[in-house]
C-alpha atoms as a PDB file:
ATOM      1  CA  UNK A   1      87.459 127.354  96.674  1.00  0.00           C
ATOM      2  CA  UNK A   2      84.459 126.388  94.166  1.00  0.00           C
ATOM      3  CA  UNK A   3      82.492 123.291  94.639  1.00  0.00           C
ATOM      4  CA  UNK A   4      84.320 121.050  92.256  1.00  0.00           C
ATOM      5  CA  UNK A   5      87.707 121.881  93.332  1.00  0.00           C
ATOM      6  CA  UNK A   6      86.373 120.746  97.170  1.00  0.00           C
ATOM      7  CA  UNK A   7      85.245 117.663  95.258  1.00  0.00           C
ATOM      8  CA  UNK A   8      88.694 116.770  93.575  1.00  0.00           C
ATOM      9  CA  UNK A   9      90.212 117.560  96.961  1.00  0.00           C
ATOM     10  CA  UNK A  10      87.955 114.773  98.788  1.00  0.00           C
ATOM     11  CA  UNK A  11      88.555 112.502  96.250  1.00  0.00           C
ATOM     12  CA  UNK A  12      92.007 112.871  96.327  1.00  0.00           C
ATOM     13  CA  UNK A  13      91.802 113.167 100.479  1.00  0.00           C
ATOM     14  CA  UNK A  14      90.116 109.541 100.492  1.00  0.00           C
ATOM     15  CA  UNK A  15      92.816 107.837  98.141  1.00  0.00           C
ATOM     16  CA  UNK A  16      91.259 108.313  94.876  1.00  0.00           C
ATOM     17  CA  UNK A  17      87.486 107.155  95.983  1.00  0.00           C
ATOM     18  CA  UNK A  18      85.413 106.411  93.088  1.00  0.00           C
ATOM     19  CA  UNK A  19      82.475 108.586  91.973  1.00  0.00           C
ATOM     20  CA  UNK A  20      79.770 106.282  93.695  1.00  0.00           C
ATOM     21  CA  UNK A  21      81.219 106.695  96.915  1.00  0.00           C
ATOM     22  CA  UNK A  22      81.428 110.442  96.538  1.00  0.00           C
ATOM     23  CA  UNK A  23      77.689 110.345  95.600  1.00  0.00           C
ATOM     24  CA  UNK A  24      77.353 108.358  98.740  1.00  0.00           C
ATOM     25  CA  UNK A  25      78.882 110.997 101.125  1.00  0.00           C
ATOM     26  CA  UNK A  26      76.932 113.830  99.323  1.00  0.00           C
ATOM     27  CA  UNK A  27      73.759 112.017  99.941  1.00  0.00           C
ATOM     28  CA  UNK A  28      74.818 111.989 103.794  1.00  0.00           C
ATOM     29  CA  UNK A  29      75.052 115.389 103.780  1.00  0.00           C
ATOM     30  CA  UNK A  30      78.827 116.137 103.509  1.00  0.00           C
ATOM     31  CA  UNK A  31      78.818 119.957 102.384  1.00  0.00           C
ATOM     32  CA  UNK A  32      82.062 119.994 101.096  1.00  0.00           C
ATOM     33  CA  UNK A  33      81.456 117.499  98.584  1.00  0.00           C
ATOM     34  CA  UNK A  34      79.579 118.279  95.343  1.00  0.00           C
ATOM     35  CA  UNK A  35      79.174 116.250  92.260  1.00  0.00           C
ATOM     36  CA  UNK A  36      80.932 118.380  89.683  1.00  0.00           C
ATOM     37  CA  UNK A  37      85.046 117.484  89.647  1.00  0.00           C
ATOM     38  CA  UNK A  38      87.391 116.915  86.790  1.00  0.00           C
ATOM     39  CA  UNK A  39      88.856 114.128  85.153  1.00  0.00           C
ATOM     40  CA  UNK A  40      91.575 112.605  87.607  1.00  0.00           C
ATOM     41  CA  UNK A  41      94.300 111.037  85.326  1.00  0.00           C
ATOM     42  CA  UNK A  42      96.019 109.917  88.368  1.00  0.00           C
ATOM     43  CA  UNK A  43      92.749 107.544  88.812  1.00  0.00           C
ATOM     44  CA  UNK A  44      92.997 106.198  85.386  1.00  0.00           C
ATOM     45  CA  UNK A  45      96.571 105.408  85.739  1.00  0.00           C
ATOM     46  CA  UNK A  46      96.175 103.406  89.088  1.00  0.00           C
ATOM     47  CA  UNK A  47      92.893 101.561  88.269  1.00  0.00           C
ATOM     48  CA  UNK A  48      94.001 100.765  84.528  1.00  0.00           C
ATOM     49  CA  UNK A  49      94.161  97.216  85.105  1.00  0.00           C
ATOM     50  CA  UNK A  50      91.099  95.303  86.424  1.00  0.00           C
ATOM     51  CA  UNK A  51      90.566  91.923  87.335  1.00  0.00           C
ATOM     52  CA  UNK A  52      87.099  90.205  87.999  1.00  0.00           C
ATOM     53  CA  UNK A  53      86.100  88.169  90.968  1.00  0.00           C
ATOM     54  CA  UNK A  54      82.567  87.435  91.964  1.00  0.00           C
ATOM     55  CA  UNK A  55      80.849  88.584  94.928  1.00  0.00           C
ATOM     56  CA  UNK A  56      81.432  86.850  98.497  1.00  0.00           C
ATOM     57  CA  UNK A  57      77.703  85.799  98.761  1.00  0.00           C
ATOM     58  CA  UNK A  58      75.704  85.791 101.702  1.00  0.00           C
ATOM     59  CA  UNK A  59      77.449  87.768 104.452  1.00  0.00           C
ATOM     60  CA  UNK A  60      77.665  86.406 108.029  1.00  0.00           C
ATOM     61  CA  UNK A  61      75.755  87.693 110.984  1.00  0.00           C
ATOM     62  CA  UNK A  62      78.482  88.591 113.519  1.00  0.00           C
ATOM     63  CA  UNK A  63      81.922  90.461 113.984  1.00  0.00           C
ATOM     64  CA  UNK A  64      84.439  87.476 113.557  1.00  0.00           C
ATOM     65  CA  UNK A  65      82.286  84.712 112.550  1.00  0.00           C
ATOM     66  CA  UNK A  66      84.331  84.483 109.103  1.00  0.00           C
ATOM     67  CA  UNK A  67      87.875  86.309 108.280  1.00  0.00           C
ATOM     68  CA  UNK A  68      88.966  86.348 105.064  1.00  0.00           C
ATOM     69  CA  UNK A  69      93.103  86.387 104.085  1.00  0.00           C
ATOM     70  CA  UNK A  70      95.086  86.849 101.684  1.00  0.00           C
ATOM     71  CA  UNK A  71      98.976  87.310 100.941  1.00  0.00           C
ATOM     72  CA  UNK A  72      99.780  89.565  98.076  1.00  0.00           C
ATOM     73  CA  UNK A  73     103.382  89.859  96.326  1.00  0.00           C
ATOM     74  CA  UNK A  74     105.977  89.484  95.888  1.00  0.00           C
ATOM     75  CA  UNK A  75     106.308  93.278  94.840  1.00  0.00           C
ATOM     76  CA  UNK A  76     109.112  94.384  92.188  1.00  0.00           C
ATOM     77  CA  UNK A  77     110.279  96.954  94.420  1.00  0.00           C
ATOM     78  CA  UNK A  78     111.259  96.568  98.152  1.00  0.00           C
ATOM     79  CA  UNK A  79     109.490  98.946 100.619  1.00  0.00           C
ATOM     80  CA  UNK A  80     111.497 101.377 102.905  1.00  0.00           C
ATOM     81  CA  UNK A  81     111.184  98.915 105.685  1.00  0.00           C
ATOM     82  CA  UNK A  82     112.418  96.254 103.242  1.00  0.00           C
ATOM     83  CA  UNK A  83     108.958  94.589 102.833  1.00  0.00           C
ATOM     84  CA  UNK A  84     108.289  92.462  99.800  1.00  0.00           C
ATOM     85  CA  UNK A  85     104.763  91.327 100.538  1.00  0.00           C
ATOM     86  CA  UNK A  86     101.215  92.137 102.837  1.00  0.00           C
ATOM     87  CA  UNK A  87      98.816  89.998 104.561  1.00  0.00           C
ATOM     88  CA  UNK A  88      95.473  91.357 104.629  1.00  0.00           C
ATOM     89  CA  UNK A  89      92.353  90.252 107.006  1.00  0.00           C
ATOM     90  CA  UNK A  90      89.202  90.805 106.306  1.00  0.00           C
ATOM     91  CA  UNK A  91      86.117  90.871 108.873  1.00  0.00           C
ATOM     92  CA  UNK A  92      83.089  89.394 106.719  1.00  0.00           C
ATOM     93  CA  UNK A  93      80.167  91.051 108.731  1.00  0.00           C
ATOM     94  CA  UNK A  94      81.944  94.597 109.030  1.00  0.00           C
ATOM     95  CA  UNK A  95      84.540  94.212 105.786  1.00  0.00           C
ATOM     96  CA  UNK A  96      86.953  96.147 107.964  1.00  0.00           C
ATOM     97  CA  UNK A  97      90.538  95.468 106.986  1.00  0.00           C
ATOM     98  CA  UNK A  98      93.698  95.162 108.759  1.00  0.00           C
ATOM     99  CA  UNK A  99      96.997  94.477 106.573  1.00  0.00           C
ATOM    100  CA  UNK A 100     100.720  93.555 108.309  1.00  0.00           C
ATOM    101  CA  UNK A 101     103.751  93.925 106.023  1.00  0.00           C
ATOM    102  CA  UNK A 102     106.008  91.020 105.509  1.00  0.00           C
ATOM    103  CA  UNK A 103     109.975  90.549 104.265  1.00  0.00           C
ATOM    104  CA  UNK A 104     109.026  87.132 103.745  1.00  0.00           C
ATOM    105  CA  UNK A 105     105.928  84.829 103.590  1.00  0.00           C
ATOM    106  CA  UNK A 106     107.266  82.775 106.625  1.00  0.00           C
ATOM    107  CA  UNK A 107     106.170  85.873 108.953  1.00  0.00           C
ATOM    108  CA  UNK A 108     102.438  84.810 108.236  1.00  0.00           C
ATOM    109  CA  UNK A 109     102.078  82.840 111.080  1.00  0.00           C
ATOM    110  CA  UNK A 110     103.669  85.506 113.816  1.00  0.00           C
ATOM    111  CA  UNK A 111     101.051  88.295 112.192  1.00  0.00           C
ATOM    112  CA  UNK A 112      98.364  86.261 112.510  1.00  0.00           C
ATOM    113  CA  UNK A 113      98.849  85.529 115.812  1.00  0.00           C
ATOM    114  CA  UNK A 114      99.084  89.241 116.310  1.00  0.00           C
ATOM    115  CA  UNK A 115      96.213  90.091 114.500  1.00  0.00           C
ATOM    116  CA  UNK A 116      94.288  87.193 116.439  1.00  0.00           C
ATOM    117  CA  UNK A 117      94.980  88.917 119.711  1.00  0.00           C
ATOM    118  CA  UNK A 118      94.293  92.441 118.535  1.00  0.00           C
ATOM    119  CA  UNK A 119      90.830  91.868 117.357  1.00  0.00           C
ATOM    120  CA  UNK A 120      89.776  89.267 119.965  1.00  0.00           C
ATOM    121  CA  UNK A 121      90.847  91.573 122.668  1.00  0.00           C
ATOM    122  CA  UNK A 122      89.192  94.638 121.091  1.00  0.00           C
ATOM    123  CA  UNK A 123      85.739  92.812 120.773  1.00  0.00           C
ATOM    124  CA  UNK A 124      85.745  90.349 123.352  1.00  0.00           C
ATOM    125  CA  UNK A 125      84.570  87.930 120.437  1.00  0.00           C
ATOM    126  CA  UNK A 126      86.359  84.963 118.875  1.00  0.00           C
ATOM    127  CA  UNK A 127      87.380  84.083 115.336  1.00  0.00           C
ATOM    128  CA  UNK A 128      84.970  81.421 114.377  1.00  0.00           C
ATOM    129  CA  UNK A 129      86.367  80.801 110.837  1.00  0.00           C
ATOM    130  CA  UNK A 130      89.454  81.681 108.469  1.00  0.00           C
ATOM    131  CA  UNK A 131      89.321  81.519 104.606  1.00  0.00           C
ATOM    132  CA  UNK A 132      92.258  81.128 103.239  1.00  0.00           C
ATOM    133  CA  UNK A 133      93.911  80.158  99.744  1.00  0.00           C
ATOM    134  CA  UNK A 134      96.290  76.878  99.671  1.00  0.00           C
ATOM    135  CA  UNK A 135      99.682  78.958  99.810  1.00  0.00           C
ATOM    136  CA  UNK A 136     102.506  77.261 101.332  1.00  0.00           C
ATOM    137  CA  UNK A 137     102.640  80.158 103.952  1.00  0.00           C
ATOM    138  CA  UNK A 138      99.235  78.844 105.184  1.00  0.00           C
ATOM    139  CA  UNK A 139      99.880  74.819 104.997  1.00  0.00           C
ATOM    140  CA  UNK A 140     102.105  74.289 107.997  1.00  0.00           C
ATOM    141  CA  UNK A 141     101.837  71.417 110.549  1.00  0.00           C
ATOM    142  CA  UNK A 142     102.038  74.546 113.125  1.00  0.00           C
ATOM    143  CA  UNK A 143      99.366  76.850 112.003  1.00  0.00           C
ATOM    144  CA  UNK A 144      97.041  73.768 111.368  1.00  0.00           C
ATOM    145  CA  UNK A 145      97.322  72.825 115.157  1.00  0.00           C
ATOM    146  CA  UNK A 146      97.149  76.321 116.370  1.00  0.00           C
ATOM    147  CA  UNK A 147      93.976  76.506 114.600  1.00  0.00           C
ATOM    148  CA  UNK A 148      92.869  73.525 116.282  1.00  0.00           C
ATOM    149  CA  UNK A 149      94.112  74.397 119.595  1.00  0.00           C
ATOM    150  CA  UNK A 150      91.901  77.734 119.414  1.00  0.00           C
ATOM    151  CA  UNK A 151      88.990  75.738 117.494  1.00  0.00           C
ATOM    152  CA  UNK A 152      89.210  78.179 114.397  1.00  0.00           C
ATOM    153  CA  UNK A 153      87.559  76.367 111.272  1.00  0.00           C
ATOM    154  CA  UNK A 154      90.357  76.880 108.600  1.00  0.00           C
ATOM    155  CA  UNK A 155      88.719  76.960 105.168  1.00  0.00           C
ATOM    156  CA  UNK A 156      91.140  76.389 101.932  1.00  0.00           C
ATOM    157  CA  UNK A 157      90.261  76.950  98.588  1.00  0.00           C
ATOM    158  CA  UNK A 158      89.849  74.864  95.787  1.00  0.00           C
ATOM    159  CA  UNK A 159      93.571  74.616  93.857  1.00  0.00           C
ATOM    160  CA  UNK A 160      93.243  76.905  91.301  1.00  0.00           C
ATOM    161  CA  UNK A 161      90.010  78.797  92.286  1.00  0.00           C
ATOM    162  CA  UNK A 162      91.157  82.042  93.494  1.00  0.00           C
ATOM    163  CA  UNK A 163      87.248  83.046  93.079  1.00  0.00           C
ATOM    164  CA  UNK A 164      86.288  81.319  96.357  1.00  0.00           C
ATOM    165  CA  UNK A 165      88.549  83.847  97.973  1.00  0.00           C
ATOM    166  CA  UNK A 166      87.138  86.547  96.349  1.00  0.00           C
ATOM    167  CA  UNK A 167      86.227  88.898  99.215  1.00  0.00           C
ATOM    168  CA  UNK A 168      90.171  88.870  99.637  1.00  0.00           C
ATOM    169  CA  UNK A 169      91.066  89.011  96.284  1.00  0.00           C
ATOM    170  CA  UNK A 170      88.920  92.182  95.390  1.00  0.00           C
ATOM    171  CA  UNK A 171      90.210  94.209  98.911  1.00  0.00           C
ATOM    172  CA  UNK A 172      93.972  93.673  97.542  1.00  0.00           C
ATOM    173  CA  UNK A 173      92.837  94.797  94.187  1.00  0.00           C
ATOM    174  CA  UNK A 174      91.189  97.782  95.363  1.00  0.00           C
ATOM    175  CA  UNK A 175      94.085  98.336  97.982  1.00  0.00           C
ATOM    176  CA  UNK A 176      97.026  98.521  95.405  1.00  0.00           C
ATOM    177  CA  UNK A 177      94.961 100.529  92.787  1.00  0.00           C
ATOM    178  CA  UNK A 178      94.509 103.511  95.712  1.00  0.00           C
ATOM    179  CA  UNK A 179      97.910 102.994  96.420  1.00  0.00           C
ATOM    180  CA  UNK A 180      99.308 103.338  92.602  1.00  0.00           C
ATOM    181  CA  UNK A 181      96.520 106.392  92.485  1.00  0.00           C
ATOM    182  CA  UNK A 182      98.302 108.046  95.384  1.00  0.00           C
ATOM    183  CA  UNK A 183     101.816 107.277  94.379  1.00  0.00           C
ATOM    184  CA  UNK A 184     101.062 108.550  91.019  1.00  0.00           C
ATOM    185  CA  UNK A 185      99.368 111.920  92.378  1.00  0.00           C
ATOM    186  CA  UNK A 186     102.492 112.578  94.891  1.00  0.00           C
ATOM    187  CA  UNK A 187     105.064 111.868  92.492  1.00  0.00           C
ATOM    188  CA  UNK A 188     106.433 109.405  94.726  1.00  0.00           C
ATOM    189  CA  UNK A 189     108.773 106.390  93.817  1.00  0.00           C
ATOM    190  CA  UNK A 190     107.573 102.451  94.283  1.00  0.00           C
ATOM    191  CA  UNK A 191     109.680 102.242  97.305  1.00  0.00           C
ATOM    192  CA  UNK A 192     106.656 103.800  99.070  1.00  0.00           C
ATOM    193  CA  UNK A 193     104.323 101.375  98.172  1.00  0.00           C
ATOM    194  CA  UNK A 194     103.881 100.339 101.474  1.00  0.00           C
ATOM    195  CA  UNK A 195     102.992 103.497 102.984  1.00  0.00           C
ATOM    196  CA  UNK A 196     100.435 104.245 100.101  1.00  0.00           C
ATOM    197  CA  UNK A 197      98.686 100.777 100.861  1.00  0.00           C
ATOM    198  CA  UNK A 198      98.944 101.323 104.752  1.00  0.00           C
ATOM    199  CA  UNK A 199      96.723 104.830 104.118  1.00  0.00           C
ATOM    200  CA  UNK A 200      94.684 103.078 100.957  1.00  0.00           C
ATOM    201  CA  UNK A 201      93.499 100.618 103.811  1.00  0.00           C
ATOM    202  CA  UNK A 202      92.861 103.074 106.594  1.00  0.00           C
ATOM    203  CA  UNK A 203      90.985 105.155 104.204  1.00  0.00           C
ATOM    204  CA  UNK A 204      88.800 102.071 102.626  1.00  0.00           C
ATOM    205  CA  UNK A 205      87.852 101.360 106.220  1.00  0.00           C
ATOM    206  CA  UNK A 206      86.537 104.927 106.480  1.00  0.00           C
ATOM    207  CA  UNK A 207      84.416 104.757 103.102  1.00  0.00           C
ATOM    208  CA  UNK A 208      81.072 103.842 102.032  1.00  0.00           C
ATOM    209  CA  UNK A 209      80.597 100.108 100.961  1.00  0.00           C
ATOM    210  CA  UNK A 210      77.940  98.848  98.592  1.00  0.00           C
ATOM    211  CA  UNK A 211      78.284  95.480 100.741  1.00  0.00           C
ATOM    212  CA  UNK A 212      77.134  97.474 104.098  1.00  0.00           C
ATOM    213  CA  UNK A 213      74.285  99.705 102.370  1.00  0.00           C
ATOM    214  CA  UNK A 214      76.548 102.382 101.889  1.00  0.00           C
ATOM    215  CA  UNK A 215      77.852 102.433 105.438  1.00  0.00           C
ATOM    216  CA  UNK A 216      81.825 102.117 106.338  1.00  0.00           C
ATOM    217  CA  UNK A 217      83.447  99.431 107.777  1.00  0.00           C
ATOM    218  CA  UNK A 218      84.652 101.457 110.784  1.00  0.00           C
ATOM    219  CA  UNK A 219      80.974 102.321 111.673  1.00  0.00           C
ATOM    220  CA  UNK A 220      79.742  98.533 111.504  1.00  0.00           C
ATOM    221  CA  UNK A 221      83.128  97.437 113.545  1.00  0.00           C
ATOM    222  CA  UNK A 222      83.103 100.084 116.004  1.00  0.00           C
ATOM    223  CA  UNK A 223      79.510 101.329 116.127  1.00  0.00           C
ATOM    224  CA  UNK A 224      80.731 104.646 115.492  1.00  0.00           C
ATOM    225  CA  UNK A 225      80.732 107.156 112.554  1.00  0.00           C
ATOM    226  CA  UNK A 226      84.127 107.694 111.488  1.00  0.00           C
ATOM    227  CA  UNK A 227      85.668 111.632 111.193  1.00  0.00           C
ATOM    228  CA  UNK A 228      86.976 112.691 108.132  1.00  0.00           C
ATOM    229  CA  UNK A 229      87.767 116.204 109.344  1.00  0.00           C
ATOM    230  CA  UNK A 230      91.626 115.422 109.779  1.00  0.00           C
ATOM    231  CA  UNK A 231      92.303 113.591 106.427  1.00  0.00           C
ATOM    232  CA  UNK A 232      94.991 115.476 103.660  1.00  0.00           C
ATOM    233  CA  UNK A 233      95.954 114.533 100.445  1.00  0.00           C
ATOM    234  CA  UNK A 234      98.719 111.863 100.699  1.00  0.00           C
ATOM    235  CA  UNK A 235     102.066 113.165  99.960  1.00  0.00           C
ATOM    236  CA  UNK A 236     101.136 116.882 100.699  1.00  0.00           C
ATOM    237  CA  UNK A 237     103.708 119.382 102.129  1.00  0.00           C
ATOM    238  CA  UNK A 238     103.121 118.876 106.428  1.00  0.00           C
ATOM    239  CA  UNK A 239     105.085 120.537 108.819  1.00  0.00           C
ATOM    240  CA  UNK A 240     106.110 119.530 112.332  1.00  0.00           C
ATOM    241  CA  UNK A 241     106.442 121.846 115.582  1.00  0.00           C
ATOM    242  CA  UNK A 242     109.291 120.937 117.616  1.00  0.00           C
ATOM    243  CA  UNK A 243     108.917 122.250 121.368  1.00  0.00           C
ATOM    244  CA  UNK A 244     111.445 124.663 122.358  1.00  0.00           C
ATOM    245  CA  UNK A 245     112.269 122.349 125.018  1.00  0.00           C
ATOM    246  CA  UNK A 246     113.440 119.891 122.291  1.00  0.00           C
END
């Protein structure tokens, strides 16, 4: 396989990562990646709609000091699991992202409690600040009391100013762009959007970020560089070995 073919393969494996991300990986000594690859029609299709959100400004100094949050949806086509929305949580310091799929917005509170238990158990740190917009799924007495009980400062956007939650808005835009690219490349229908978004999130967490001085969110979150050797192109043929006893 020539260098350009290897590079387009990694471009696809990494969820149609941009040229800048490939340059960073190349600079870090990833031998399979050159800077010579062909035009990718699926990337143009997936990323043709762009909305500008300003940068989040100064970053925090430690994990879970600030968590950005946003709910995306409803989508036009339900997922295979009947989800119509997903909620994203982004740690400001590491930019590591978690997503949970929702059939209805009212499920947000349960997913937040699940997320809180997961990350606080992993890090032995506490969520200090949660930043959201003014969506109805957030503005409940139960949620407000929960934040007070656990000492979480709840920051809400000024109405009609989504730019104040720019980190979460940009991340959701990135995830959906990557998902559209992968669905187009795999020739899959829109009902597979949740699977594509889930993989997009996994790949974004393992891709270089300019906000992190070209490190990856996983590297900042765990302190270890993530491996990419197991990645395959979304939608490619896969074979399962069934043990003889099964």
